[in-house]
Protein backbone atom coordinates (compact mmCIF):
# COMPACT_ATOMS: atom_id res chain seq x y z
CA UNK A 1 -37.61 -21.03 49.61
CA UNK A 2 -39.97 -18.10 49.18
CA UNK A 3 -43.16 -17.19 50.46
CA UNK A 4 -45.19 -17.24 47.21
CA UNK A 5 -48.86 -18.05 47.02
CA UNK A 6 -49.65 -21.27 48.99
CA UNK A 7 -51.27 -23.82 46.50
CA UNK A 8 -54.44 -25.10 47.77
CA UNK A 9 -55.14 -29.05 48.02
CA UNK A 10 -58.68 -30.60 48.56
CA UNK A 11 -58.21 -33.57 50.50
CA UNK A 12 -60.93 -36.40 49.89
CA UNK A 13 -61.05 -39.53 52.48
CA UNK A 14 -63.53 -40.86 54.67
CA UNK A 15 -60.95 -41.97 57.28
CA UNK A 16 -60.81 -39.08 59.73
CA UNK A 17 -57.51 -40.03 61.17
CA UNK A 18 -55.98 -39.96 57.56
CA UNK A 19 -57.59 -36.34 56.78
CA UNK A 20 -56.30 -35.07 60.06
CA UNK A 21 -52.73 -36.19 60.04
CA UNK A 22 -52.34 -36.03 56.17
CA UNK A 23 -53.89 -32.23 56.13
CA UNK A 24 -51.42 -31.37 59.14
CA UNK A 25 -48.68 -32.76 56.86
CA UNK A 26 -49.62 -30.82 53.94
CA UNK A 27 -49.85 -27.61 55.96
CA UNK A 28 -46.57 -27.83 57.38
CA UNK A 29 -45.18 -28.36 53.95
CA UNK A 30 -46.67 -24.95 53.00
CA UNK A 31 -50.12 -26.04 51.33
CA UNK A 32 -53.74 -24.83 52.01
CA UNK A 33 -55.77 -27.70 52.86
CA UNK A 34 -59.62 -28.15 52.29
CA UNK A 35 -60.74 -31.53 53.89
CA UNK A 36 -63.81 -33.64 53.27
CA UNK A 37 -64.98 -37.01 53.69
CA UNK A 38 -67.55 -37.01 51.03
CA UNK A 39 -67.04 -37.64 47.30
CA UNK A 40 -70.43 -35.89 46.49
CA UNK A 41 -69.28 -32.81 48.70
CA UNK A 42 -66.02 -32.93 46.88
CA UNK A 43 -67.61 -32.33 43.49
CA UNK A 44 -69.42 -29.09 45.10
CA UNK A 45 -66.00 -27.90 46.73
CA UNK A 46 -64.27 -28.67 43.28
CA UNK A 47 -66.61 -26.23 41.66
CA UNK A 48 -66.79 -23.59 44.23
CA UNK A 49 -63.18 -23.29 45.35
CA UNK A 50 -61.16 -24.48 42.20
CA UNK A 51 -58.26 -25.94 44.30
CA UNK A 52 -54.81 -26.34 42.62
CA UNK A 53 -54.93 -30.28 43.14
CA UNK A 54 -56.92 -33.03 44.70
CA UNK A 55 -55.69 -36.07 46.81
CA UNK A 56 -58.42 -38.59 46.62
CA UNK A 57 -58.76 -41.97 48.66
CA UNK A 58 -59.18 -44.94 46.32
CA UNK A 59 -61.65 -46.91 48.60
CA UNK A 60 -64.68 -44.77 50.10
CA UNK A 61 -68.00 -46.25 50.94
CA UNK A 62 -70.63 -43.89 49.08
CA UNK A 63 -68.39 -43.56 45.84
CA UNK A 64 -65.14 -45.00 45.48
CA UNK A 65 -62.19 -43.10 44.23
CA UNK A 66 -62.01 -44.23 40.63
CA UNK A 67 -65.79 -43.62 40.25
CA UNK A 68 -65.23 -39.91 41.49
CA UNK A 69 -62.19 -39.57 39.29
CA UNK A 70 -64.30 -40.59 36.19
CA UNK A 71 -66.90 -38.09 36.99
CA UNK A 72 -64.42 -35.30 37.38
CA UNK A 73 -62.46 -36.18 34.29
CA UNK A 74 -65.89 -36.04 32.40
CA UNK A 75 -66.99 -32.39 33.59
CA UNK A 76 -65.22 -29.76 31.58
CA UNK A 77 -65.51 -27.21 34.40
CA UNK A 78 -63.23 -29.36 36.73
CA UNK A 79 -61.45 -31.82 34.41
CA UNK A 80 -58.26 -29.75 34.32
CA UNK A 81 -57.73 -30.04 37.99
CA UNK A 82 -54.78 -32.35 38.92
CA UNK A 83 -56.11 -35.61 40.91
CA UNK A 84 -53.52 -37.68 43.02
CA UNK A 85 -55.08 -41.15 44.11
CA UNK A 86 -54.16 -42.24 47.55
CA UNK A 87 -54.25 -45.97 48.79
CA UNK A 88 -52.77 -48.68 50.53
CA UNK A 89 -53.46 -50.81 47.65
CA UNK A 90 -50.30 -51.08 45.42
CA UNK A 91 -51.61 -53.56 42.95
CA UNK A 92 -50.66 -52.91 39.56
CA UNK A 93 -54.30 -53.54 38.44
CA UNK A 94 -55.65 -50.42 40.61
CA UNK A 95 -52.64 -48.35 39.64
CA UNK A 96 -53.42 -48.76 35.98
CA UNK A 97 -57.06 -48.25 36.11
CA UNK A 98 -56.45 -45.01 37.88
CA UNK A 99 -53.93 -43.88 35.22
CA UNK A 100 -56.33 -44.95 32.49
CA UNK A 101 -58.99 -42.69 34.22
CA UNK A 102 -56.65 -39.79 34.06
CA UNK A 103 -55.09 -39.38 37.77
CA UNK A 104 -51.80 -37.21 37.64
CA UNK A 105 -50.23 -39.42 40.36
CA UNK A 106 -50.59 -42.33 42.75
CA UNK A 107 -49.34 -42.25 46.42
CA UNK A 108 -49.08 -45.01 48.58
CA UNK A 109 -50.42 -45.21 52.29
CA UNK A 110 -48.71 -44.67 54.86
CA UNK A 111 -47.43 -41.39 53.09
CA UNK A 112 -43.96 -40.16 53.40
CA UNK A 113 -42.97 -36.59 52.91
CA UNK A 114 -40.98 -37.45 50.02
CA UNK A 115 -43.44 -39.42 48.06
CA UNK A 116 -46.25 -36.87 48.74
CA UNK A 117 -43.87 -33.99 47.59
CA UNK A 118 -42.84 -35.84 44.36
CA UNK A 119 -46.65 -36.44 43.41
CA UNK A 120 -47.53 -32.75 44.31
CA UNK A 121 -44.63 -31.49 42.10
CA UNK A 122 -45.49 -33.74 39.38
CA UNK A 123 -49.18 -32.68 39.33
CA UNK A 124 -48.50 -28.99 40.01
CA UNK A 125 -45.41 -28.01 38.05
CA UNK A 126 -46.41 -26.63 34.59
CA UNK A 127 -44.74 -28.40 31.41
CA UNK A 128 -41.20 -27.63 30.87
CA UNK A 129 -40.89 -25.90 34.31
CA UNK A 130 -38.24 -26.97 36.68
CA UNK A 131 -39.73 -29.28 39.61
CA UNK A 132 -38.75 -28.28 43.32
CA UNK A 133 -36.33 -31.06 44.23
CA UNK A 134 -36.87 -30.67 48.06
CA UNK A 135 -40.01 -30.19 50.08
CA UNK A 136 -40.11 -26.94 52.61
CA UNK A 137 -41.14 -26.77 56.00
CA UNK A 138 -42.01 -23.54 58.17
CA UNK A 139 -38.99 -22.75 60.35
CA UNK A 140 -38.79 -19.55 62.31
CA UNK A 141 -35.68 -20.41 64.18
CA UNK A 142 -32.85 -18.15 65.04
CA UNK A 143 -30.10 -18.32 62.60
CA UNK A 144 -26.30 -16.86 62.29
CA UNK A 145 -25.45 -15.48 59.10
CA UNK A 146 -21.62 -14.80 58.41
CA UNK A 147 -20.21 -12.84 55.62
CA UNK A 148 -16.99 -11.02 55.08
CA UNK A 149 -15.93 -11.72 58.78
CA UNK A 150 -19.23 -10.18 60.21
CA UNK A 151 -22.00 -12.32 61.81
CA UNK A 152 -25.76 -11.22 62.00
CA UNK A 153 -28.32 -13.00 64.14
CA UNK A 154 -31.55 -13.12 62.03
CA UNK A 155 -34.88 -15.42 61.79
CA UNK A 156 -35.67 -17.82 59.23
CA UNK A 157 -39.00 -18.34 57.48
CA UNK A 158 -38.67 -21.67 55.95
CA UNK A 159 -36.03 -24.35 55.27
CA UNK A 160 -35.51 -27.28 52.92
CA UNK A 161 -32.49 -29.80 52.18
CA UNK A 162 -31.98 -27.12 49.17
CA UNK A 163 -31.72 -23.79 51.26
CA UNK A 164 -33.33 -21.56 53.55
CA UNK A 165 -35.26 -18.08 53.32
CA UNK A 166 -34.35 -15.62 55.95
CA UNK A 167 -36.18 -12.64 57.10
CA UNK A 168 -34.26 -9.27 56.56
CA UNK A 169 -35.10 -5.73 55.71
CA UNK A 170 -31.71 -4.87 54.04
CA UNK A 171 -30.99 -8.43 52.36
CA UNK A 172 -27.45 -9.16 51.04
CA UNK A 173 -26.84 -8.79 47.24
CA UNK A 174 -27.67 -11.77 44.90
CA UNK A 175 -24.46 -13.73 44.53
CA UNK A 176 -23.03 -13.12 48.19
CA UNK A 177 -21.41 -16.06 49.83
CA UNK A 178 -22.51 -16.84 53.50
CA UNK A 179 -22.05 -19.44 56.13
CA UNK A 180 -25.21 -20.23 58.06
CA UNK A 181 -25.36 -21.74 61.51
CA UNK A 182 -28.47 -22.80 63.62
CA UNK A 183 -29.55 -25.30 66.05
CA UNK A 184 -30.77 -28.42 64.59
CA UNK A 185 -32.44 -30.37 67.37
CA UNK A 186 -31.15 -31.06 70.91
CA UNK A 187 -27.38 -30.14 71.27
CA UNK A 188 -26.64 -30.31 67.46
CA UNK A 189 -25.32 -27.14 65.63
CA UNK A 190 -25.22 -27.13 61.82
CA UNK A 191 -22.89 -24.89 59.85
CA UNK A 192 -23.64 -24.70 56.08
CA UNK A 193 -22.16 -22.72 53.32
CA UNK A 194 -24.42 -21.29 50.70
CA UNK A 195 -24.83 -18.39 48.30
CA UNK A 196 -27.79 -15.68 48.16
CA UNK A 197 -29.82 -16.62 45.03
CA UNK A 198 -32.83 -14.14 45.42
CA UNK A 199 -33.57 -11.16 47.67
CA UNK A 200 -36.82 -9.37 48.46
CA UNK A 201 -36.53 -5.70 49.74
CA UNK A 202 -39.01 -4.24 52.09
CA UNK A 203 -40.42 -1.84 49.53
CA UNK A 204 -40.26 -4.28 46.62
CA UNK A 205 -43.99 -5.40 46.35
CA UNK A 206 -44.75 -4.65 49.93
CA UNK A 207 -47.04 -7.04 51.81
CA UNK A 208 -46.73 -9.69 49.22
CA UNK A 209 -43.88 -11.59 50.56
CA UNK A 210 -41.67 -11.44 53.65
CA UNK A 211 -38.56 -9.26 53.07
CA UNK A 212 -35.39 -11.21 53.25
CA UNK A 213 -33.20 -13.39 51.23
CA UNK A 214 -33.28 -17.11 49.75
CA UNK A 215 -29.84 -18.79 50.32
CA UNK A 216 -28.99 -21.94 48.44
CA UNK A 217 -26.74 -24.28 50.20
CA UNK A 218 -23.51 -25.46 48.49
CA UNK A 219 -21.06 -28.37 49.12
CA UNK A 220 -23.13 -30.14 51.66
CA UNK A 221 -21.11 -33.10 53.06
CA UNK A 222 -22.95 -36.56 53.43
CA UNK A 223 -22.99 -35.90 57.24
CA UNK A 224 -24.44 -32.53 57.20
CA UNK A 225 -27.07 -33.56 54.64
CA UNK A 226 -28.13 -36.36 56.68
CA UNK A 227 -28.26 -34.27 59.84
CA UNK A 228 -30.29 -31.36 57.65
CA UNK A 229 -32.77 -34.15 56.50
CA UNK A 230 -33.50 -35.63 60.11
CA UNK A 231 -34.13 -32.27 61.31
CA UNK A 232 -36.43 -31.12 58.49
CA UNK A 233 -38.21 -34.61 58.91
CA UNK A 234 -38.45 -33.63 62.66
CA UNK A 235 -39.92 -30.36 62.14
CA UNK A 236 -42.60 -31.87 59.68
CA UNK A 237 -43.66 -34.88 61.50
CA UNK A 238 -43.24 -33.51 64.95
CA UNK A 239 -46.07 -34.76 67.63
CA UNK A 240 -47.70 -36.45 64.31
CA UNK A 241 -45.89 -39.80 64.47
CA UNK A 242 -46.52 -40.23 68.17
CA UNK A 243 -50.26 -39.17 68.38
CA UNK A 244 -51.42 -41.52 65.33
CA UNK A 245 -53.80 -44.36 66.30
CA UNK A 246 -52.72 -45.90 63.05
CA UNK A 247 -49.81 -45.37 60.89
CA UNK A 248 -50.85 -42.68 58.38
CA UNK A 249 -47.41 -40.76 58.10
CA UNK A 250 -44.14 -42.55 57.79
CA UNK A 251 -40.63 -41.14 57.47
CA UNK A 252 -38.90 -44.25 56.41
């Protein structure tokens, strides 16, 4: 929910449509994206820019994904960068070959936000650390925050199924119980209970993070959970699904 440094993902695929839409999806999920359609250029970019992770197409014309994966894992300079393979090929043979060569994950096309988030969390979360259950999306909408009988109109920064980060110069104390209300799509208002789990004052490490507070949702009903999930998926894939010439991203 907080605005820590964005992770950088190198996206390697010769299909321009896939690169464009998958890249936009990643950016909306909070990642910085470096796109390329060339396996040979990918090696140069890995060494020059040291991305946090690489998403690599299995089938490419000049050098296929498994061959590039083998080359990456044999080069000490870049071998530790996690590689996620992406393909429409869900066969066990291809999956096992990529795993044998050292990939950190395997995601099927068309992508879903959930499958992409899961693979990236598996690849980027240090051993022993807690993985983020829900992906986040930028959300700069207006929200009402009610606490102790008083309501304030504030603006959000990002949103997930687990909580929301709200911009505020003088954030409420950690542990404060609040009710959040905002418009989730056309003619739908969502009211959610939550608790402040983190606050960032304006002078606390100035300029590194937007001052505000992270609120974790509590006691979501199934109905409200479904409304929130649908709204987040809409924010994430808005304008992408309609404009795709071929199915690259799915929310199913």
